[in-house]
Amino acid sequence: MMSSMFVFQESRILMRSIALLCISFLLLLTPGCQQSLHPFLSMDDCIIDKNLVGTWLTNDSRWVFTQRKHDKQYELVVSEEGRKTSYLLVRLGKVGDELFLDFSYNKKKRTPMPDLEEATYLPVHLFAHVRQIRPVLQLAFPNPEWIENVLFSNPELLKHEVIESPKMDRVMLTAGTEELQEFFSKQVQNEKLFGKYSQFQFMDPEPSVKEN
């Protein structure tokens, strides 16, 4: 019995180590974004606004939202000059009176991975506050530096893991959906957190519904 418990504990430690290694890698890939291990919006929070569907442009990127047919999510294709195309799943929802987007990896669009990479793959979420959708889509991602400074000073404020690296320590949010919503929905007027809103110009509509 003691032997089984020891093996179980060792297995948990190993899985946690693998998870943290994956998180570290993902943080290095997206240094300017704040990742969350859990979604900011649950499926029950999701709403559909057809005004989001279509093609949106900024100075250096093109975002195309398409509504999925069998659930309340969108598929998003992001094209940026000099970078590979990104394929994402997006949820739109309200927390109180505030509108948010939740971004996650679209597994159906991913490039096939070798078995070991597949075994260590760990999905994460990004989220953004939406000020408005039409006529100009305005959204802001939370500032990771503000989050890091706050959580380094008050680590009990929100569940997280500190990922150490040679250049700088980074934060991965591990709080659950409700805890994330409670914290960030109260901070939408904080210019140090949500201070820089991207502006997207609407171009033309895409098919309103897409097969999953």
C-alpha atoms as a PDB file:
ATOM      1  CA  MET A   1       0.000   0.000   0.000  1.00  0.00           C
ATOM      2  CA  MET A   2       2.784   2.400   0.955  1.00  0.00           C
ATOM      3  CA  SER A   3       4.612   1.482  -2.253  1.00  0.00           C
ATOM      4  CA  SER A   4       1.522   2.315  -4.342  1.00  0.00           C
ATOM      5  CA  MET A   5       1.123   5.668  -2.618  1.00  0.00           C
ATOM      6  CA  PHE A   6       4.782   6.471  -3.231  1.00  0.00           C
ATOM      7  CA  VAL A   7       4.446   5.634  -6.937  1.00  0.00           C
ATOM      8  CA  PHE A   8       1.307   7.774  -7.154  1.00  0.00           C
ATOM      9  CA  GLN A   9       3.041  10.741  -5.511  1.00  0.00           C
ATOM     10  CA  GLU A  10       6.067  10.347  -7.780  1.00  0.00           C
ATOM     11  CA  SER A  11       3.745  10.263 -10.788  1.00  0.00           C
ATOM     12  CA  ARG A  12       2.026  13.480  -9.675  1.00  0.00           C
ATOM     13  CA  ILE A  13       5.375  15.209  -9.202  1.00  0.00           C
ATOM     14  CA  LEU A  14       6.490  14.086 -12.680  1.00  0.00           C
ATOM     15  CA  MET A  15       3.263  15.295 -14.333  1.00  0.00           C
ATOM     16  CA  ARG A  16       3.525  18.628 -12.534  1.00  0.00           C
ATOM     17  CA  SER A  17       7.130  19.006 -13.723  1.00  0.00           C
ATOM     18  CA  ILE A  18       6.107  18.254 -17.311  1.00  0.00           C
ATOM     19  CA  ALA A  19       3.256  20.775 -17.061  1.00  0.00           C
ATOM     20  CA  LEU A  20       5.579  23.494 -15.771  1.00  0.00           C
ATOM     21  CA  LEU A  21       8.074  22.776 -18.544  1.00  0.00           C
ATOM     22  CA  CYS A  22       5.293  23.170 -21.124  1.00  0.00           C
ATOM     23  CA  ILE A  23       4.137  26.395 -19.487  1.00  0.00           C
ATOM     24  CA  SER A  24       7.683  27.742 -19.521  1.00  0.00           C
ATOM     25  CA  PHE A  25       7.950  27.036 -23.231  1.00  0.00           C
ATOM     26  CA  LEU A  26       4.619  28.707 -23.972  1.00  0.00           C
ATOM     27  CA  LEU A  27       5.576  31.795 -21.994  1.00  0.00           C
ATOM     28  CA  LEU A  28       8.732  32.129 -24.055  1.00  0.00           C
ATOM     29  CA  LEU A  29       6.702  31.914 -27.263  1.00  0.00           C
ATOM     30  CA  THR A  30       4.313  34.717 -26.281  1.00  0.00           C
ATOM     31  CA  PRO A  31       6.257  37.082 -24.012  1.00  0.00           C
ATOM     32  CA  GLY A  32       3.787  39.966 -24.337  1.00  0.00           C
ATOM     33  CA  CYS A  33       0.643  38.010 -23.407  1.00  0.00           C
ATOM     34  CA  GLN A  34      -0.768  36.922 -20.073  1.00  0.00           C
ATOM     35  CA  GLN A  35      -1.659  33.230 -20.172  1.00  0.00           C
ATOM     36  CA  SER A  36      -4.219  31.485 -18.025  1.00  0.00           C
ATOM     37  CA  LEU A  37      -4.356  27.750 -17.452  1.00  0.00           C
ATOM     38  CA  HIS A  38      -8.160  27.882 -17.231  1.00  0.00           C
ATOM     39  CA  PRO A  39     -10.662  29.632 -19.516  1.00  0.00           C
ATOM     40  CA  PHE A  40     -11.800  33.116 -18.628  1.00  0.00           C
ATOM     41  CA  LEU A  41     -15.268  32.321 -20.011  1.00  0.00           C
ATOM     42  CA  SER A  42     -17.127  29.049 -19.496  1.00  0.00           C
ATOM     43  CA  MET A  43     -19.396  27.654 -22.202  1.00  0.00           C
ATOM     44  CA  ASP A  44     -22.370  28.821 -20.127  1.00  0.00           C
ATOM     45  CA  ASP A  45     -21.035  32.396 -20.332  1.00  0.00           C
ATOM     46  CA  CYS A  46     -20.844  32.364 -24.131  1.00  0.00           C
ATOM     47  CA  ILE A  47     -23.024  34.599 -26.269  1.00  0.00           C
ATOM     48  CA  ILE A  48     -23.188  35.076 -30.024  1.00  0.00           C
ATOM     49  CA  ASP A  49     -23.018  38.531 -31.575  1.00  0.00           C
ATOM     50  CA  LYS A  50     -23.113  38.404 -35.365  1.00  0.00           C
ATOM     51  CA  ASN A  51     -21.483  41.843 -35.469  1.00  0.00           C
ATOM     52  CA  LEU A  52     -18.203  40.114 -34.611  1.00  0.00           C
ATOM     53  CA  VAL A  53     -18.339  37.826 -37.660  1.00  0.00           C
ATOM     54  CA  GLY A  54     -16.206  38.934 -40.592  1.00  0.00           C
ATOM     55  CA  THR A  55     -12.827  40.399 -41.411  1.00  0.00           C
ATOM     56  CA  TRP A  56     -11.100  42.993 -39.243  1.00  0.00           C
ATOM     57  CA  LEU A  57      -7.886  44.839 -40.014  1.00  0.00           C
ATOM     58  CA  THR A  58      -5.276  46.719 -38.023  1.00  0.00           C
ATOM     59  CA  ASN A  59      -2.055  48.194 -39.364  1.00  0.00           C
ATOM     60  CA  ASP A  60      -0.158  44.909 -39.192  1.00  0.00           C
ATOM     61  CA  SER A  61      -2.679  42.071 -38.879  1.00  0.00           C
ATOM     62  CA  ARG A  62      -5.880  40.599 -40.306  1.00  0.00           C
ATOM     63  CA  TRP A  63      -8.413  38.837 -38.062  1.00  0.00           C
ATOM     64  CA  VAL A  64     -11.233  36.748 -39.548  1.00  0.00           C
ATOM     65  CA  PHE A  65     -14.025  35.571 -37.212  1.00  0.00           C
ATOM     66  CA  THR A  66     -16.409  32.803 -38.286  1.00  0.00           C
ATOM     67  CA  GLN A  67     -19.290  31.530 -36.170  1.00  0.00           C
ATOM     68  CA  ARG A  68     -19.294  27.787 -35.445  1.00  0.00           C
ATOM     69  CA  LYS A  69     -22.500  25.895 -36.136  1.00  0.00           C
ATOM     70  CA  HIS A  70     -22.883  23.547 -33.160  1.00  0.00           C
ATOM     71  CA  ASP A  71     -21.674  25.626 -30.207  1.00  0.00           C
ATOM     72  CA  LYS A  72     -21.414  29.245 -29.094  1.00  0.00           C
ATOM     73  CA  GLN A  73     -17.845  29.758 -30.207  1.00  0.00           C
ATOM     74  CA  TYR A  74     -16.052  31.411 -33.086  1.00  0.00           C
ATOM     75  CA  GLU A  75     -13.119  30.280 -35.158  1.00  0.00           C
ATOM     76  CA  LEU A  76     -10.499  32.981 -35.619  1.00  0.00           C
ATOM     77  CA  VAL A  77      -7.721  33.124 -38.207  1.00  0.00           C
ATOM     78  CA  VAL A  78      -5.009  35.685 -37.470  1.00  0.00           C
ATOM     79  CA  SER A  79      -2.592  36.677 -40.222  1.00  0.00           C
ATOM     80  CA  GLU A  80       0.333  38.935 -39.376  1.00  0.00           C
ATOM     81  CA  GLU A  81       3.132  40.092 -41.620  1.00  0.00           C
ATOM     82  CA  GLY A  82       6.276  38.057 -41.080  1.00  0.00           C
ATOM     83  CA  ARG A  83       4.592  35.496 -38.778  1.00  0.00           C
ATOM     84  CA  LYS A  84       2.826  32.171 -39.250  1.00  0.00           C
ATOM     85  CA  THR A  85      -0.973  32.172 -39.426  1.00  0.00           C
ATOM     86  CA  SER A  86      -2.684  31.457 -36.089  1.00  0.00           C
ATOM     87  CA  TYR A  87      -5.870  29.388 -35.778  1.00  0.00           C
ATOM     88  CA  LEU A  88      -7.834  30.001 -32.585  1.00  0.00           C
ATOM     89  CA  LEU A  89     -11.109  29.210 -30.892  1.00  0.00           C
ATOM     90  CA  VAL A  90     -12.782  32.264 -29.392  1.00  0.00           C
ATOM     91  CA  ARG A  91     -15.523  32.712 -26.833  1.00  0.00           C
ATOM     92  CA  LEU A  92     -17.426  35.961 -26.399  1.00  0.00           C
ATOM     93  CA  GLY A  93     -19.264  36.588 -23.146  1.00  0.00           C
ATOM     94  CA  LYS A  94     -20.331  39.048 -20.508  1.00  0.00           C
ATOM     95  CA  VAL A  95     -19.191  39.247 -16.915  1.00  0.00           C
ATOM     96  CA  GLY A  96     -21.610  41.633 -15.279  1.00  0.00           C
ATOM     97  CA  ASP A  97     -21.861  44.506 -17.739  1.00  0.00           C
ATOM     98  CA  GLU A  98     -18.404  43.948 -19.202  1.00  0.00           C
ATOM     99  CA  LEU A  99     -17.680  42.121 -22.452  1.00  0.00           C
ATOM    100  CA  PHE A 100     -14.682  39.791 -22.804  1.00  0.00           C
ATOM    101  CA  LEU A 101     -13.086  37.502 -25.373  1.00  0.00           C
ATOM    102  CA  ASP A 102     -11.401  34.207 -24.468  1.00  0.00           C
ATOM    103  CA  PHE A 103      -8.828  32.798 -26.904  1.00  0.00           C
ATOM    104  CA  SER A 104      -7.588  29.203 -27.041  1.00  0.00           C
ATOM    105  CA  TYR A 105      -5.803  26.894 -29.444  1.00  0.00           C
ATOM    106  CA  ASN A 106      -7.886  25.403 -32.262  1.00  0.00           C
ATOM    107  CA  LYS A 107      -6.851  21.741 -32.100  1.00  0.00           C
ATOM    108  CA  LYS A 108      -8.639  20.894 -35.349  1.00  0.00           C
ATOM    109  CA  LYS A 109      -6.375  23.304 -37.217  1.00  0.00           C
ATOM    110  CA  ARG A 110      -3.106  22.310 -35.575  1.00  0.00           C
ATOM    111  CA  THR A 111      -0.134  20.822 -37.358  1.00  0.00           C
ATOM    112  CA  PRO A 112       0.266  17.107 -36.462  1.00  0.00           C
ATOM    113  CA  MET A 113       2.844  16.626 -33.726  1.00  0.00           C
ATOM    114  CA  PRO A 114       5.159  13.709 -32.906  1.00  0.00           C
ATOM    115  CA  ASP A 115       3.910  11.480 -30.068  1.00  0.00           C
ATOM    116  CA  LEU A 116       6.174  12.981 -27.394  1.00  0.00           C
ATOM    117  CA  GLU A 117       5.160  16.552 -28.264  1.00  0.00           C
ATOM    118  CA  GLU A 118       1.514  15.499 -28.260  1.00  0.00           C
ATOM    119  CA  ALA A 119       1.935  13.926 -24.814  1.00  0.00           C
ATOM    120  CA  THR A 120       3.341  17.126 -23.340  1.00  0.00           C
ATOM    121  CA  TYR A 121       0.999  19.536 -25.104  1.00  0.00           C
ATOM    122  CA  LEU A 122      -0.734  21.845 -22.637  1.00  0.00           C
ATOM    123  CA  PRO A 123      -3.474  24.257 -23.781  1.00  0.00           C
ATOM    124  CA  VAL A 124      -3.676  27.742 -22.314  1.00  0.00           C
ATOM    125  CA  HIS A 125      -6.042  30.670 -22.667  1.00  0.00           C
ATOM    126  CA  LEU A 126      -5.636  34.355 -23.404  1.00  0.00           C
ATOM    127  CA  PHE A 127      -8.368  36.880 -22.698  1.00  0.00           C
ATOM    128  CA  ALA A 128      -9.189  40.464 -23.551  1.00  0.00           C
ATOM    129  CA  HIS A 129     -11.625  43.145 -22.465  1.00  0.00           C
ATOM    130  CA  VAL A 130     -13.878  44.416 -25.274  1.00  0.00           C
ATOM    131  CA  ARG A 131     -14.864  48.072 -25.147  1.00  0.00           C
ATOM    132  CA  GLN A 132     -17.044  47.844 -28.272  1.00  0.00           C
ATOM    133  CA  ILE A 133     -17.542  45.716 -31.405  1.00  0.00           C
ATOM    134  CA  ARG A 134     -19.004  48.056 -34.004  1.00  0.00           C
ATOM    135  CA  PRO A 135     -18.253  50.290 -35.788  1.00  0.00           C
ATOM    136  CA  VAL A 136     -14.639  49.732 -34.616  1.00  0.00           C
ATOM    137  CA  LEU A 137     -13.647  46.638 -32.640  1.00  0.00           C
ATOM    138  CA  GLN A 138     -11.766  47.837 -29.561  1.00  0.00           C
ATOM    139  CA  LEU A 139     -10.101  45.297 -27.316  1.00  0.00           C
ATOM    140  CA  ALA A 140      -7.281  45.230 -24.776  1.00  0.00           C
ATOM    141  CA  PHE A 141      -5.279  42.329 -23.397  1.00  0.00           C
ATOM    142  CA  PRO A 142      -4.229  42.611 -19.737  1.00  0.00           C
ATOM    143  CA  ASN A 143      -0.756  43.965 -19.114  1.00  0.00           C
ATOM    144  CA  PRO A 144       1.372  41.036 -17.828  1.00  0.00           C
ATOM    145  CA  GLU A 145       3.893  43.364 -16.164  1.00  0.00           C
ATOM    146  CA  TRP A 146       1.164  44.916 -13.985  1.00  0.00           C
ATOM    147  CA  ILE A 147      -0.112  41.452 -13.057  1.00  0.00           C
ATOM    148  CA  GLU A 148       3.380  40.240 -12.212  1.00  0.00           C
ATOM    149  CA  ASN A 149       4.145  43.257 -10.022  1.00  0.00           C
ATOM    150  CA  VAL A 150       0.844  42.912  -8.139  1.00  0.00           C
ATOM    151  CA  LEU A 151       1.180  39.161  -7.596  1.00  0.00           C
ATOM    152  CA  PHE A 152       4.840  39.320  -6.620  1.00  0.00           C
ATOM    153  CA  SER A 153       3.831  41.829  -3.932  1.00  0.00           C
ATOM    154  CA  ASN A 154       0.646  40.000  -2.912  1.00  0.00           C
ATOM    155  CA  PRO A 155       0.868  36.348  -4.023  1.00  0.00           C
ATOM    156  CA  GLU A 156      -2.369  35.346  -2.256  1.00  0.00           C
ATOM    157  CA  LEU A 157      -4.449  37.735  -4.362  1.00  0.00           C
ATOM    158  CA  LEU A 158      -4.891  35.352  -7.296  1.00  0.00           C
ATOM    159  CA  LYS A 159      -3.765  31.756  -7.819  1.00  0.00           C
ATOM    160  CA  HIS A 160      -0.718  31.516 -10.078  1.00  0.00           C
ATOM    161  CA  GLU A 161       2.626  29.853 -10.700  1.00  0.00           C
ATOM    162  CA  VAL A 162       5.895  31.751 -11.034  1.00  0.00           C
ATOM    163  CA  ILE A 163       7.941  30.416 -13.941  1.00  0.00           C
ATOM    164  CA  GLU A 164      11.632  31.119 -13.457  1.00  0.00           C
ATOM    165  CA  SER A 165      13.862  31.835 -16.430  1.00  0.00           C
ATOM    166  CA  PRO A 166      17.372  33.289 -16.871  1.00  0.00           C
ATOM    167  CA  LYS A 167      16.072  36.616 -18.229  1.00  0.00           C
ATOM    168  CA  MET A 168      13.055  37.218 -15.991  1.00  0.00           C
ATOM    169  CA  ASP A 169      10.429  35.414 -13.917  1.00  0.00           C
ATOM    170  CA  ARG A 170       6.994  35.104 -15.499  1.00  0.00           C
ATOM    171  CA  VAL A 171       3.529  34.405 -14.131  1.00  0.00           C
ATOM    172  CA  MET A 172       1.039  31.783 -15.287  1.00  0.00           C
ATOM    173  CA  LEU A 173      -2.457  32.295 -13.889  1.00  0.00           C
ATOM    174  CA  THR A 174      -3.863  29.067 -12.426  1.00  0.00           C
ATOM    175  CA  ALA A 175      -7.013  30.510 -10.841  1.00  0.00           C
ATOM    176  CA  GLY A 176     -10.354  29.034 -11.884  1.00  0.00           C
ATOM    177  CA  THR A 177     -12.814  30.740 -14.211  1.00  0.00           C
ATOM    178  CA  GLU A 178     -14.963  32.332 -11.502  1.00  0.00           C
ATOM    179  CA  GLU A 179     -11.949  33.681  -9.628  1.00  0.00           C
ATOM    180  CA  LEU A 180     -10.502  35.163 -12.838  1.00  0.00           C
ATOM    181  CA  GLN A 181     -13.799  36.825 -13.670  1.00  0.00           C
ATOM    182  CA  GLU A 182     -14.220  38.271 -10.202  1.00  0.00           C
ATOM    183  CA  PHE A 183     -10.737  39.784 -10.199  1.00  0.00           C
ATOM    184  CA  PHE A 184     -10.439  41.154 -13.738  1.00  0.00           C
ATOM    185  CA  SER A 185     -14.014  42.388 -14.235  1.00  0.00           C
ATOM    186  CA  LYS A 186     -13.406  44.796 -11.352  1.00  0.00           C
ATOM    187  CA  GLN A 187     -10.228  46.096 -12.978  1.00  0.00           C
ATOM    188  CA  VAL A 188     -11.480  47.137 -16.431  1.00  0.00           C
ATOM    189  CA  GLN A 189     -11.122  50.839 -15.584  1.00  0.00           C
ATOM    190  CA  ASN A 190      -7.548  50.324 -14.440  1.00  0.00           C
ATOM    191  CA  GLU A 191      -5.464  51.957 -17.176  1.00  0.00           C
ATOM    192  CA  LYS A 192      -2.309  50.231 -15.943  1.00  0.00           C
ATOM    193  CA  LEU A 193      -3.958  46.862 -16.578  1.00  0.00           C
ATOM    194  CA  PHE A 194      -6.216  47.530 -19.577  1.00  0.00           C
ATOM    195  CA  GLY A 195      -4.624  50.700 -20.898  1.00  0.00           C
ATOM    196  CA  LYS A 196      -3.913  50.033 -24.569  1.00  0.00           C
ATOM    197  CA  TYR A 197      -6.926  49.183 -26.744  1.00  0.00           C
ATOM    198  CA  SER A 198      -6.278  47.863 -30.242  1.00  0.00           C
ATOM    199  CA  GLN A 199      -8.501  49.300 -32.973  1.00  0.00           C
ATOM    200  CA  PHE A 200      -9.811  46.949 -35.693  1.00  0.00           C
ATOM    201  CA  GLN A 201     -11.589  48.244 -38.784  1.00  0.00           C
ATOM    202  CA  PHE A 202     -14.369  46.060 -40.203  1.00  0.00           C
ATOM    203  CA  MET A 203     -13.858  45.106 -43.849  1.00  0.00           C
ATOM    204  CA  ASP A 204     -16.330  42.528 -45.169  1.00  0.00           C
ATOM    205  CA  PRO A 205     -18.500  39.723 -43.843  1.00  0.00           C
ATOM    206  CA  GLU A 206     -17.618  36.046 -43.921  1.00  0.00           C
ATOM    207  CA  PRO A 207     -20.197  33.206 -43.985  1.00  0.00           C
ATOM    208  CA  SER A 208     -22.146  33.647 -40.732  1.00  0.00           C
ATOM    209  CA  VAL A 209     -22.006  29.970 -39.723  1.00  0.00           C
ATOM    210  CA  LYS A 210     -19.231  27.419 -40.175  1.00  0.00           C
ATOM    211  CA  GLU A 211     -19.382  23.652 -39.726  1.00  0.00           C
ATOM    212  CA  ASN A 212     -17.389  22.501 -36.650  1.00  0.00           C
END
